[in-house]
């Protein structure tokens, strides 16, 4: 599973995710800061990323367009980078089961 972190998540998280989520990146690292949500959606779909976000925009797109891409919606509020990293790493098995085994379009992490 490779993650595409929305611009509302720090690009500084990427190096800490590579062991568990190889190939992951963030919007700014792709020079896509000015891209619309739909453009990010298409990019993620084309390059087989799972979108990670803190807002509902990509969840809304998943209800309109279906999957792929899949979405991890972090419902933890504005937390530190360490808390966000812990959420992604500590819930990895749950995320994998929901998105790959159960084939859900979106998983919400609280």
PDB file of N, CA and C in Angstrom:
ATOM      1  N   UNK A   1       0.844  -1.174   0.000  1.00  0.00           N
ATOM      2  CA  UNK A   1       0.000   0.000   0.000  1.00  0.00           C
ATOM      3  C   UNK A   1       0.889   1.236   0.000  1.00  0.00           C
ATOM      4  N   UNK A   2       0.656   2.103  -0.960  1.00  0.00           N
ATOM      5  CA  UNK A   2       1.393   3.364  -0.955  1.00  0.00           C
ATOM      6  C   UNK A   2       0.400   4.506  -0.775  1.00  0.00           C
ATOM      7  N   UNK A   3       0.798   5.436   0.073  1.00  0.00           N
ATOM      8  CA  UNK A   3      -0.091   6.518   0.478  1.00  0.00           C
ATOM      9  C   UNK A   3       0.260   7.811  -0.237  1.00  0.00           C
ATOM     10  N   UNK A   4      -0.769   8.590  -0.534  1.00  0.00           N
ATOM     11  CA  UNK A   4      -0.613   9.947  -1.038  1.00  0.00           C
ATOM     12  C   UNK A   4      -1.215  10.870   0.013  1.00  0.00           C
ATOM     13  N   UNK A   5      -0.342  11.574   0.741  1.00  0.00           N
ATOM     14  CA  UNK A   5      -0.798  12.457   1.806  1.00  0.00           C
ATOM     15  C   UNK A   5      -1.316  13.759   1.212  1.00  0.00           C
ATOM     16  N   UNK A   6      -2.509  14.130   1.617  1.00  0.00           N
ATOM     17  CA  UNK A   6      -3.116  15.379   1.189  1.00  0.00           C
ATOM     18  C   UNK A   6      -2.252  16.537   1.680  1.00  0.00           C
ATOM     19  N   UNK A   7      -2.452  17.708   1.091  1.00  0.00           N
ATOM     20  CA  UNK A   7      -1.623  18.849   1.480  1.00  0.00           C
ATOM     21  C   UNK A   7      -1.889  19.307   2.906  1.00  0.00           C
ATOM     22  N   UNK A   8      -2.971  18.833   3.530  1.00  0.00           N
ATOM     23  CA  UNK A   8      -3.227  19.188   4.922  1.00  0.00           C
ATOM     24  C   UNK A   8      -2.422  18.323   5.898  1.00  0.00           C
ATOM     25  N   UNK A   9      -1.575  17.456   5.363  1.00  0.00           N
ATOM     26  CA  UNK A   9      -0.683  16.622   6.169  1.00  0.00           C
ATOM     27  C   UNK A   9       0.762  16.933   5.794  1.00  0.00           C
ATOM     28  N   UNK A  10       1.621  16.933   6.761  1.00  0.00           N
ATOM     29  CA  UNK A  10       3.011  17.329   6.552  1.00  0.00           C
ATOM     30  C   UNK A  10       3.772  16.359   5.657  1.00  0.00           C
ATOM     31  N   UNK A  11       4.528  16.933   4.741  1.00  0.00           N
ATOM     32  CA  UNK A  11       5.401  16.112   3.892  1.00  0.00           C
ATOM     33  C   UNK A  11       6.530  15.493   4.703  1.00  0.00           C
ATOM     34  N   UNK A  12       6.780  16.030   5.883  1.00  0.00           N
ATOM     35  CA  UNK A  12       7.840  15.496   6.748  1.00  0.00           C
ATOM     36  C   UNK A  12       7.489  14.119   7.311  1.00  0.00           C
ATOM     37  N   UNK A  13       6.256  13.697   7.140  1.00  0.00           N
ATOM     38  CA  UNK A  13       5.852  12.361   7.592  1.00  0.00           C
ATOM     39  C   UNK A  13       6.357  11.263   6.656  1.00  0.00           C
ATOM     40  N   UNK A  14       6.549  11.603   5.396  1.00  0.00           N
ATOM     41  CA  UNK A  14       6.850  10.597   4.372  1.00  0.00           C
ATOM     42  C   UNK A  14       8.047   9.708   4.726  1.00  0.00           C
ATOM     43  N   UNK A  15       9.199  10.244   5.123  1.00  0.00           N
ATOM     44  CA  UNK A  15      10.332   9.349   5.429  1.00  0.00           C
ATOM     45  C   UNK A  15      10.033   8.333   6.545  1.00  0.00           C
ATOM     46  N   UNK A  16       9.138   8.681   7.440  1.00  0.00           N
ATOM     47  CA  UNK A  16       8.803   7.792   8.549  1.00  0.00           C
ATOM     48  C   UNK A  16       7.776   6.731   8.170  1.00  0.00           C
ATOM     49  N   UNK A  17       7.183   6.874   7.006  1.00  0.00           N
ATOM     50  CA  UNK A  17       6.162   5.934   6.544  1.00  0.00           C
ATOM     51  C   UNK A  17       6.710   4.882   5.580  1.00  0.00           C
ATOM     52  N   UNK A  18       7.897   5.110   5.051  1.00  0.00           N
ATOM     53  CA  UNK A  18       8.372   4.274   3.944  1.00  0.00           C
ATOM     54  C   UNK A  18       8.568   2.805   4.289  1.00  0.00           C
ATOM     55  N   UNK A  19       8.886   2.477   5.531  1.00  0.00           N
ATOM     56  CA  UNK A  19       9.026   1.053   5.883  1.00  0.00           C
ATOM     57  C   UNK A  19       7.687   0.330   5.833  1.00  0.00           C
ATOM     58  N   UNK A  20       6.643   0.975   6.330  1.00  0.00           N
ATOM     59  CA  UNK A  20       5.327   0.343   6.382  1.00  0.00           C
ATOM     60  C   UNK A  20       4.483   0.605   5.140  1.00  0.00           C
ATOM     61  N   UNK A  21       4.731   1.725   4.485  1.00  0.00           N
ATOM     62  CA  UNK A  21       3.975   2.118   3.296  1.00  0.00           C
ATOM     63  C   UNK A  21       4.951   2.541   2.193  1.00  0.00           C
ATOM     64  N   UNK A  22       5.680   1.586   1.598  1.00  0.00           N
ATOM     65  CA  UNK A  22       6.683   1.925   0.590  1.00  0.00           C
ATOM     66  C   UNK A  22       6.062   2.667  -0.600  1.00  0.00           C
ATOM     67  N   UNK A  23       6.804   3.646  -1.102  1.00  0.00           N
ATOM     68  CA  UNK A  23       6.347   4.395  -2.265  1.00  0.00           C
ATOM     69  C   UNK A  23       5.434   5.557  -1.939  1.00  0.00           C
ATOM     70  N   UNK A  24       5.223   5.817  -0.667  1.00  0.00           N
ATOM     71  CA  UNK A  24       4.316   6.900  -0.259  1.00  0.00           C
ATOM     72  C   UNK A  24       4.942   8.260  -0.537  1.00  0.00           C
ATOM     73  N   UNK A  25       4.060   9.263  -0.696  1.00  0.00           N
ATOM     74  CA  UNK A  25       4.504  10.624  -0.941  1.00  0.00           C
ATOM     75  C   UNK A  25       3.444  11.602  -0.454  1.00  0.00           C
ATOM     76  N   UNK A  26       3.676  12.877  -0.721  1.00  0.00           N
ATOM     77  CA  UNK A  26       2.755  13.933  -0.294  1.00  0.00           C
ATOM     78  C   UNK A  26       2.580  14.899  -1.452  1.00  0.00           C
ATOM     79  N   UNK A  27       1.443  15.567  -1.494  1.00  0.00           N
ATOM     80  CA  UNK A  27       1.074  16.459  -2.593  1.00  0.00           C
ATOM     81  C   UNK A  27       2.185  17.458  -2.928  1.00  0.00           C
ATOM     82  N   UNK A  28       2.751  18.123  -1.934  1.00  0.00           N
ATOM     83  CA  UNK A  28       3.796  19.126  -2.182  1.00  0.00           C
ATOM     84  C   UNK A  28       5.038  18.505  -2.812  1.00  0.00           C
ATOM     85  N   UNK A  29       5.349  17.279  -2.449  1.00  0.00           N
ATOM     86  CA  UNK A  29       6.519  16.608  -3.007  1.00  0.00           C
ATOM     87  C   UNK A  29       6.331  16.292  -4.482  1.00  0.00           C
ATOM     88  N   UNK A  30       5.087  16.310  -4.934  1.00  0.00           N
ATOM     89  CA  UNK A  30       4.762  16.076  -6.344  1.00  0.00           C
ATOM     90  C   UNK A  30       4.503  17.390  -7.092  1.00  0.00           C
ATOM     91  N   UNK A  31       4.731  18.516  -6.400  1.00  0.00           N
ATOM     92  CA  UNK A  31       4.452  19.839  -6.974  1.00  0.00           C
ATOM     93  C   UNK A  31       2.992  19.978  -7.421  1.00  0.00           C
ATOM     94  N   UNK A  32       2.077  19.457  -6.597  1.00  0.00           N
ATOM     95  CA  UNK A  32       0.652  19.496  -6.921  1.00  0.00           C
ATOM     96  C   UNK A  32      -0.141  20.354  -5.938  1.00  0.00           C
ATOM     97  N   UNK A  33       0.520  21.299  -5.270  1.00  0.00           N
ATOM     98  CA  UNK A  33      -0.160  22.107  -4.253  1.00  0.00           C
ATOM     99  C   UNK A  33      -1.347  22.876  -4.809  1.00  0.00           C
ATOM    100  N   UNK A  34      -1.289  23.291  -6.044  1.00  0.00           N
ATOM    101  CA  UNK A  34      -2.368  24.085  -6.634  1.00  0.00           C
ATOM    102  C   UNK A  34      -3.384  23.231  -7.387  1.00  0.00           C
ATOM    103  N   UNK A  35      -3.235  21.921  -7.305  1.00  0.00           N
ATOM    104  CA  UNK A  35      -4.146  21.009  -7.996  1.00  0.00           C
ATOM    105  C   UNK A  35      -5.488  20.937  -7.283  1.00  0.00           C
ATOM    106  N   UNK A  36      -6.528  20.763  -8.057  1.00  0.00           N
ATOM    107  CA  UNK A  36      -7.860  20.595  -7.477  1.00  0.00           C
ATOM    108  C   UNK A  36      -7.966  19.208  -6.854  1.00  0.00           C
ATOM    109  N   UNK A  37      -8.963  19.025  -6.005  1.00  0.00           N
ATOM    110  CA  UNK A  37      -9.180  17.705  -5.408  1.00  0.00           C
ATOM    111  C   UNK A  37      -9.412  16.658  -6.498  1.00  0.00           C
ATOM    112  N   UNK A  38     -10.128  17.034  -7.543  1.00  0.00           N
ATOM    113  CA  UNK A  38     -10.397  16.090  -8.631  1.00  0.00           C
ATOM    114  C   UNK A  38      -9.095  15.690  -9.340  1.00  0.00           C
ATOM    115  N   UNK A  39      -8.191  16.653  -9.550  1.00  0.00           N
ATOM    116  CA  UNK A  39      -6.900  16.344 -10.180  1.00  0.00           C
ATOM    117  C   UNK A  39      -6.082  15.407  -9.295  1.00  0.00           C
ATOM    118  N   UNK A  40      -6.110  15.639  -8.003  1.00  0.00           N
ATOM    119  CA  UNK A  40      -5.414  14.753  -7.064  1.00  0.00           C
ATOM    120  C   UNK A  40      -6.043  13.368  -7.111  1.00  0.00           C
ATOM    121  N   UNK A  41      -7.355  13.312  -7.172  1.00  0.00           N
ATOM    122  CA  UNK A  41      -8.092  12.047  -7.258  1.00  0.00           C
ATOM    123  C   UNK A  41      -7.643  11.244  -8.477  1.00  0.00           C
ATOM    124  N   UNK A  42      -7.609  11.908  -9.626  1.00  0.00           N
ATOM    125  CA  UNK A  42      -7.211  11.242 -10.869  1.00  0.00           C
ATOM    126  C   UNK A  42      -5.757  10.771 -10.784  1.00  0.00           C
ATOM    127  N   UNK A  43      -4.883  11.606 -10.231  1.00  0.00           N
ATOM    128  CA  UNK A  43      -3.480  11.231 -10.071  1.00  0.00           C
ATOM    129  C   UNK A  43      -3.365   9.990  -9.185  1.00  0.00           C
ATOM    130  N   UNK A  44      -4.044  10.003  -8.060  1.00  0.00           N
ATOM    131  CA  UNK A  44      -3.996   8.861  -7.137  1.00  0.00           C
ATOM    132  C   UNK A  44      -4.515   7.594  -7.813  1.00  0.00           C
ATOM    133  N   UNK A  45      -5.576   7.725  -8.553  1.00  0.00           N
ATOM    134  CA  UNK A  45      -6.147   6.571  -9.261  1.00  0.00           C
ATOM    135  C   UNK A  45      -5.157   6.037 -10.297  1.00  0.00           C
ATOM    136  N   UNK A  46      -4.593   6.928 -11.086  1.00  0.00           N
ATOM    137  CA  UNK A  46      -3.666   6.543 -12.150  1.00  0.00           C
ATOM    138  C   UNK A  46      -2.407   5.880 -11.609  1.00  0.00           C
ATOM    139  N   UNK A  47      -1.928   6.367 -10.453  1.00  0.00           N
ATOM    140  CA  UNK A  47      -0.670   5.874  -9.899  1.00  0.00           C
ATOM    141  C   UNK A  47      -0.855   4.924  -8.709  1.00  0.00           C
ATOM    142  N   UNK A  48      -2.085   4.479  -8.504  1.00  0.00           N
ATOM    143  CA  UNK A  48      -2.425   3.461  -7.496  1.00  0.00           C
ATOM    144  C   UNK A  48      -2.045   3.848  -6.074  1.00  0.00           C
ATOM    145  N   UNK A  49      -2.366   5.089  -5.714  1.00  0.00           N
ATOM    146  CA  UNK A  49      -2.175   5.568  -4.350  1.00  0.00           C
ATOM    147  C   UNK A  49      -3.457   5.444  -3.547  1.00  0.00           C
ATOM    148  N   UNK A  50      -3.306   5.381  -2.245  1.00  0.00           N
ATOM    149  CA  UNK A  50      -4.409   5.530  -1.309  1.00  0.00           C
ATOM    150  C   UNK A  50      -4.284   6.946  -0.754  1.00  0.00           C
ATOM    151  N   UNK A  51      -5.342   7.728  -0.851  1.00  0.00           N
ATOM    152  CA  UNK A  51      -5.306   9.108  -0.389  1.00  0.00           C
ATOM    153  C   UNK A  51      -5.519   9.158   1.120  1.00  0.00           C
ATOM    154  N   UNK A  52      -4.668   9.925   1.806  1.00  0.00           N
ATOM    155  CA  UNK A  52      -4.809  10.145   3.245  1.00  0.00           C
ATOM    156  C   UNK A  52      -5.117  11.622   3.450  1.00  0.00           C
ATOM    157  N   UNK A  53      -6.191  11.905   4.175  1.00  0.00           N
ATOM    158  CA  UNK A  53      -6.634  13.281   4.352  1.00  0.00           C
ATOM    159  C   UNK A  53      -7.242  13.495   5.723  1.00  0.00           C
ATOM    160  N   UNK A  54      -7.395  14.769   6.085  1.00  0.00           N
ATOM    161  CA  UNK A  54      -8.077  15.127   7.327  1.00  0.00           C
ATOM    162  C   UNK A  54      -9.461  15.703   7.067  1.00  0.00           C
ATOM    163  N   UNK A  55      -9.814  15.909   5.809  1.00  0.00           N
ATOM    164  CA  UNK A  55     -11.121  16.505   5.542  1.00  0.00           C
ATOM    165  C   UNK A  55     -11.998  15.563   4.724  1.00  0.00           C
ATOM    166  N   UNK A  56     -13.232  15.948   4.552  1.00  0.00           N
ATOM    167  CA  UNK A  56     -14.219  15.059   3.924  1.00  0.00           C
ATOM    168  C   UNK A  56     -14.232  15.107   2.400  1.00  0.00           C
ATOM    169  N   UNK A  57     -13.447  15.973   1.795  1.00  0.00           N
ATOM    170  CA  UNK A  57     -13.522  16.157   0.340  1.00  0.00           C
ATOM    171  C   UNK A  57     -13.313  14.860  -0.437  1.00  0.00           C
ATOM    172  N   UNK A  58     -12.310  14.099  -0.077  1.00  0.00           N
ATOM    173  CA  UNK A  58     -12.029  12.876  -0.829  1.00  0.00           C
ATOM    174  C   UNK A  58     -13.025  11.766  -0.501  1.00  0.00           C
ATOM    175  N   UNK A  59     -13.556  11.779   0.699  1.00  0.00           N
ATOM    176  CA  UNK A  59     -14.653  10.855   1.015  1.00  0.00           C
ATOM    177  C   UNK A  59     -15.841  11.160   0.103  1.00  0.00           C
ATOM    178  N   UNK A  60     -16.145  12.444  -0.043  1.00  0.00           N
ATOM    179  CA  UNK A  60     -17.246  12.850  -0.921  1.00  0.00           C
ATOM    180  C   UNK A  60     -16.999  12.401  -2.358  1.00  0.00           C
ATOM    181  N   UNK A  61     -15.767  12.554  -2.832  1.00  0.00           N
ATOM    182  CA  UNK A  61     -15.446  12.111  -4.184  1.00  0.00           C
ATOM    183  C   UNK A  61     -15.600  10.597  -4.318  1.00  0.00           C
ATOM    184  N   UNK A  62     -15.267   9.873  -3.268  1.00  0.00           N
ATOM    185  CA  UNK A  62     -15.401   8.413  -3.345  1.00  0.00           C
ATOM    186  C   UNK A  62     -16.862   7.985  -3.445  1.00  0.00           C
ATOM    187  N   UNK A  63     -17.769   8.763  -2.855  1.00  0.00           N
ATOM    188  CA  UNK A  63     -19.187   8.417  -2.973  1.00  0.00           C
ATOM    189  C   UNK A  63     -19.718   8.750  -4.366  1.00  0.00           C
ATOM    190  N   UNK A  64     -19.091   9.714  -5.033  1.00  0.00           N
ATOM    191  CA  UNK A  64     -19.508  10.083  -6.388  1.00  0.00           C
ATOM    192  C   UNK A  64     -18.893   9.156  -7.432  1.00  0.00           C
ATOM    193  N   UNK A  65     -17.576   8.961  -7.361  1.00  0.00           N
ATOM    194  CA  UNK A  65     -16.855   8.241  -8.407  1.00  0.00           C
ATOM    195  C   UNK A  65     -16.545   6.786  -8.075  1.00  0.00           C
ATOM    196  N   UNK A  66     -16.717   6.389  -6.834  1.00  0.00           N
ATOM    197  CA  UNK A  66     -16.341   5.038  -6.437  1.00  0.00           C
ATOM    198  C   UNK A  66     -14.844   4.903  -6.309  1.00  0.00           C
ATOM    199  N   UNK A  67     -14.376   3.675  -6.293  1.00  0.00           N
ATOM    200  CA  UNK A  67     -12.956   3.426  -6.137  1.00  0.00           C
ATOM    201  C   UNK A  67     -12.394   2.746  -7.359  1.00  0.00           C
ATOM    202  N   UNK A  68     -11.122   2.768  -7.582  1.00  0.00           N
ATOM    203  CA  UNK A  68     -10.064   3.469  -6.874  1.00  0.00           C
ATOM    204  C   UNK A  68     -10.099   4.958  -7.154  1.00  0.00           C
ATOM    205  N   UNK A  69      -9.348   5.745  -6.417  1.00  0.00           N
ATOM    206  CA  UNK A  69      -8.506   5.362  -5.296  1.00  0.00           C
ATOM    207  C   UNK A  69      -9.316   5.179  -4.029  1.00  0.00           C
ATOM    208  N   UNK A  70      -8.698   4.582  -3.069  1.00  0.00           N
ATOM    209  CA  UNK A  70      -9.298   4.422  -1.752  1.00  0.00           C
ATOM    210  C   UNK A  70      -8.847   5.576  -0.876  1.00  0.00           C
ATOM    211  N   UNK A  71      -9.536   5.750   0.247  1.00  0.00           N
ATOM    212  CA  UNK A  71      -9.291   6.917   1.088  1.00  0.00           C
ATOM    213  C   UNK A  71      -9.136   6.511   2.549  1.00  0.00           C
ATOM    214  N   UNK A  72      -8.137   7.094   3.199  1.00  0.00           N
ATOM    215  CA  UNK A  72      -8.000   7.014   4.656  1.00  0.00           C
ATOM    216  C   UNK A  72      -8.330   8.403   5.164  1.00  0.00           C
ATOM    217  N   UNK A  73      -9.423   8.493   5.902  1.00  0.00           N
ATOM    218  CA  UNK A  73      -9.893   9.772   6.426  1.00  0.00           C
ATOM    219  C   UNK A  73      -9.517   9.846   7.896  1.00  0.00           C
ATOM    220  N   UNK A  74      -8.530  10.666   8.215  1.00  0.00           N
ATOM    221  CA  UNK A  74      -8.085  10.822   9.603  1.00  0.00           C
ATOM    222  C   UNK A  74      -9.031  11.783  10.317  1.00  0.00           C
ATOM    223  N   UNK A  75      -9.811  11.262  11.228  1.00  0.00           N
ATOM    224  CA  UNK A  75     -10.802  12.049  11.961  1.00  0.00           C
ATOM    225  C   UNK A  75     -10.257  12.436  13.330  1.00  0.00           C
ATOM    226  N   UNK A  76      -8.954  12.626  13.397  1.00  0.00           N
ATOM    227  CA  UNK A  76      -8.287  12.910  14.666  1.00  0.00           C
ATOM    228  C   UNK A  76      -8.151  14.402  14.941  1.00  0.00           C
ATOM    229  N   UNK A  77      -8.631  15.240  14.041  1.00  0.00           N
ATOM    230  CA  UNK A  77      -8.478  16.678  14.216  1.00  0.00           C
ATOM    231  C   UNK A  77      -7.053  17.104  13.921  1.00  0.00           C
ATOM    232  N   UNK A  78      -6.758  18.342  14.177  1.00  0.00           N
ATOM    233  CA  UNK A  78      -5.401  18.852  13.953  1.00  0.00           C
ATOM    234  C   UNK A  78      -4.495  18.397  15.088  1.00  0.00           C
ATOM    235  N   UNK A  79      -3.707  17.398  14.783  1.00  0.00           N
ATOM    236  CA  UNK A  79      -2.800  16.812  15.763  1.00  0.00           C
ATOM    237  C   UNK A  79      -1.359  17.059  15.337  1.00  0.00           C
ATOM    238  N   UNK A  80      -0.440  16.728  16.200  1.00  0.00           N
ATOM    239  CA  UNK A  80       0.975  16.834  15.868  1.00  0.00           C
ATOM    240  C   UNK A  80       1.333  15.809  14.797  1.00  0.00           C
ATOM    241  N   UNK A  81       2.474  16.016  14.167  1.00  0.00           N
ATOM    242  CA  UNK A  81       2.960  15.056  13.176  1.00  0.00           C
ATOM    243  C   UNK A  81       3.149  13.684  13.825  1.00  0.00           C
ATOM    244  N   UNK A  82       3.638  13.672  15.057  1.00  0.00           N
ATOM    245  CA  UNK A  82       3.868  12.406  15.762  1.00  0.00           C
ATOM    246  C   UNK A  82       2.563  11.648  15.982  1.00  0.00           C
ATOM    247  N   UNK A  83       1.506  12.361  16.328  1.00  0.00           N
ATOM    248  CA  UNK A  83       0.207  11.722  16.542  1.00  0.00           C
ATOM    249  C   UNK A  83      -0.348  11.179  15.229  1.00  0.00           C
ATOM    250  N   UNK A  84      -0.200  11.947  14.167  1.00  0.00           N
ATOM    251  CA  UNK A  84      -0.662  11.499  12.851  1.00  0.00           C
ATOM    252  C   UNK A  84       0.117  10.268  12.411  1.00  0.00           C
ATOM    253  N   UNK A  85       1.421  10.307  12.579  1.00  0.00           N
ATOM    254  CA  UNK A  85       2.260   9.164  12.227  1.00  0.00           C
ATOM    255  C   UNK A  85       1.854   7.934  13.025  1.00  0.00           C
ATOM    256  N   UNK A  86       1.668   8.097  14.318  1.00  0.00           N
ATOM    257  CA  UNK A  86       1.238   6.972  15.171  1.00  0.00           C
ATOM    258  C   UNK A  86      -0.087   6.391  14.705  1.00  0.00           C
ATOM    259  N   UNK A  87      -1.017   7.259  14.334  1.00  0.00           N
ATOM    260  CA  UNK A  87      -2.327   6.779  13.864  1.00  0.00           C
ATOM    261  C   UNK A  87      -2.167   5.902  12.626  1.00  0.00           C
ATOM    262  N   UNK A  88      -1.346   6.324  11.680  1.00  0.00           N
ATOM    263  CA  UNK A  88      -1.155   5.538  10.458  1.00  0.00           C
ATOM    264  C   UNK A  88      -0.400   4.245  10.716  1.00  0.00           C
ATOM    265  N   UNK A  89       0.589   4.292  11.567  1.00  0.00           N
ATOM    266  CA  UNK A  89       1.379   3.090  11.842  1.00  0.00           C
ATOM    267  C   UNK A  89       0.640   2.123  12.762  1.00  0.00           C
ATOM    268  N   UNK A  90       0.002   2.629  13.796  1.00  0.00           N
ATOM    269  CA  UNK A  90      -0.696   1.761  14.757  1.00  0.00           C
ATOM    270  C   UNK A  90      -1.952   1.111  14.175  1.00  0.00           C
ATOM    271  N   UNK A  91      -2.532   1.734  13.159  1.00  0.00           N
ATOM    272  CA  UNK A  91      -3.748   1.191  12.545  1.00  0.00           C
ATOM    273  C   UNK A  91      -3.461   0.485  11.220  1.00  0.00           C
ATOM    274  N   UNK A  92      -2.206   0.202  10.932  1.00  0.00           N
ATOM    275  CA  UNK A  92      -1.856  -0.366   9.634  1.00  0.00           C
ATOM    276  C   UNK A  92      -2.617  -1.659   9.333  1.00  0.00           C
ATOM    277  N   UNK A  93      -2.694  -2.552  10.275  1.00  0.00           N
ATOM    278  CA  UNK A  93      -3.384  -3.826  10.049  1.00  0.00           C
ATOM    279  C   UNK A  93      -4.866  -3.583   9.783  1.00  0.00           C
ATOM    280  N   UNK A  94      -5.474  -2.694  10.545  1.00  0.00           N
ATOM    281  CA  UNK A  94      -6.884  -2.361  10.351  1.00  0.00           C
ATOM    282  C   UNK A  94      -7.106  -1.715   8.986  1.00  0.00           C
ATOM    283  N   UNK A  95      -6.212  -0.819   8.611  1.00  0.00           N
ATOM    284  CA  UNK A  95      -6.307  -0.151   7.308  1.00  0.00           C
ATOM    285  C   UNK A  95      -6.189  -1.175   6.188  1.00  0.00           C
ATOM    286  N   UNK A  96      -5.196  -2.030   6.282  1.00  0.00           N
ATOM    287  CA  UNK A  96      -4.985  -3.052   5.249  1.00  0.00           C
ATOM    288  C   UNK A  96      -6.190  -3.972   5.125  1.00  0.00           C
ATOM    289  N   UNK A  97      -6.715  -4.408   6.251  1.00  0.00           N
ATOM    290  CA  UNK A  97      -7.887  -5.298   6.211  1.00  0.00           C
ATOM    291  C   UNK A  97      -9.078  -4.599   5.568  1.00  0.00           C
ATOM    292  N   UNK A  98      -9.352  -3.374   5.983  1.00  0.00           N
ATOM    293  CA  UNK A  98     -10.521  -2.655   5.470  1.00  0.00           C
ATOM    294  C   UNK A  98     -10.396  -2.357   3.975  1.00  0.00           C
ATOM    295  N   UNK A  99      -9.242  -1.884   3.550  1.00  0.00           N
ATOM    296  CA  UNK A  99      -9.095  -1.439   2.170  1.00  0.00           C
ATOM    297  C   UNK A  99      -8.740  -2.555   1.203  1.00  0.00           C
ATOM    298  N   UNK A 100      -7.956  -3.523   1.642  1.00  0.00           N
ATOM    299  CA  UNK A 100      -7.538  -4.576   0.722  1.00  0.00           C
ATOM    300  C   UNK A 100      -8.354  -5.854   0.858  1.00  0.00           C
ATOM    301  N   UNK A 101      -8.563  -6.306   2.072  1.00  0.00           N
ATOM    302  CA  UNK A 101      -9.292  -7.560   2.268  1.00  0.00           C
ATOM    303  C   UNK A 101     -10.799  -7.342   2.118  1.00  0.00           C
ATOM    304  N   UNK A 102     -11.331  -6.349   2.837  1.00  0.00           N
ATOM    305  CA  UNK A 102     -12.770  -6.088   2.792  1.00  0.00           C
ATOM    306  C   UNK A 102     -13.176  -5.201   1.615  1.00  0.00           C
ATOM    307  N   UNK A 103     -12.205  -4.644   0.889  1.00  0.00           N
ATOM    308  CA  UNK A 103     -12.418  -3.830  -0.305  1.00  0.00           C
ATOM    309  C   UNK A 103     -13.310  -2.608  -0.066  1.00  0.00           C
ATOM    310  N   UNK A 104     -13.148  -1.979   1.095  1.00  0.00           N
ATOM    311  CA  UNK A 104     -13.896  -0.755   1.380  1.00  0.00           C
ATOM    312  C   UNK A 104     -13.260   0.398   0.621  1.00  0.00           C
ATOM    313  N   UNK A 105     -14.065   1.396   0.285  1.00  0.00           N
ATOM    314  CA  UNK A 105     -13.574   2.567  -0.443  1.00  0.00           C
ATOM    315  C   UNK A 105     -12.897   3.553   0.484  1.00  0.00           C
ATOM    316  N   UNK A 106     -13.327   3.562   1.755  1.00  0.00           N
ATOM    317  CA  UNK A 106     -12.821   4.551   2.699  1.00  0.00           C
ATOM    318  C   UNK A 106     -12.796   3.946   4.099  1.00  0.00           C
ATOM    319  N   UNK A 107     -11.757   4.297   4.837  1.00  0.00           N
ATOM    320  CA  UNK A 107     -11.715   3.927   6.252  1.00  0.00           C
ATOM    321  C   UNK A 107     -11.499   5.219   7.042  1.00  0.00           C
ATOM    322  N   UNK A 108     -12.230   5.349   8.113  1.00  0.00           N
ATOM    323  CA  UNK A 108     -12.083   6.504   8.993  1.00  0.00           C
ATOM    324  C   UNK A 108     -11.290   6.081  10.223  1.00  0.00           C
ATOM    325  N   UNK A 109     -10.257   6.855  10.536  1.00  0.00           N
ATOM    326  CA  UNK A 109      -9.430   6.591  11.702  1.00  0.00           C
ATOM    327  C   UNK A 109      -9.695   7.688  12.720  1.00  0.00           C
ATOM    328  N   UNK A 110     -10.074   7.271  13.940  1.00  0.00           N
ATOM    329  CA  UNK A 110     -10.370   8.239  15.025  1.00  0.00           C
ATOM    330  C   UNK A 110      -9.260   8.242  16.029  1.00  0.00           C
TER     331      UNK A 110
END
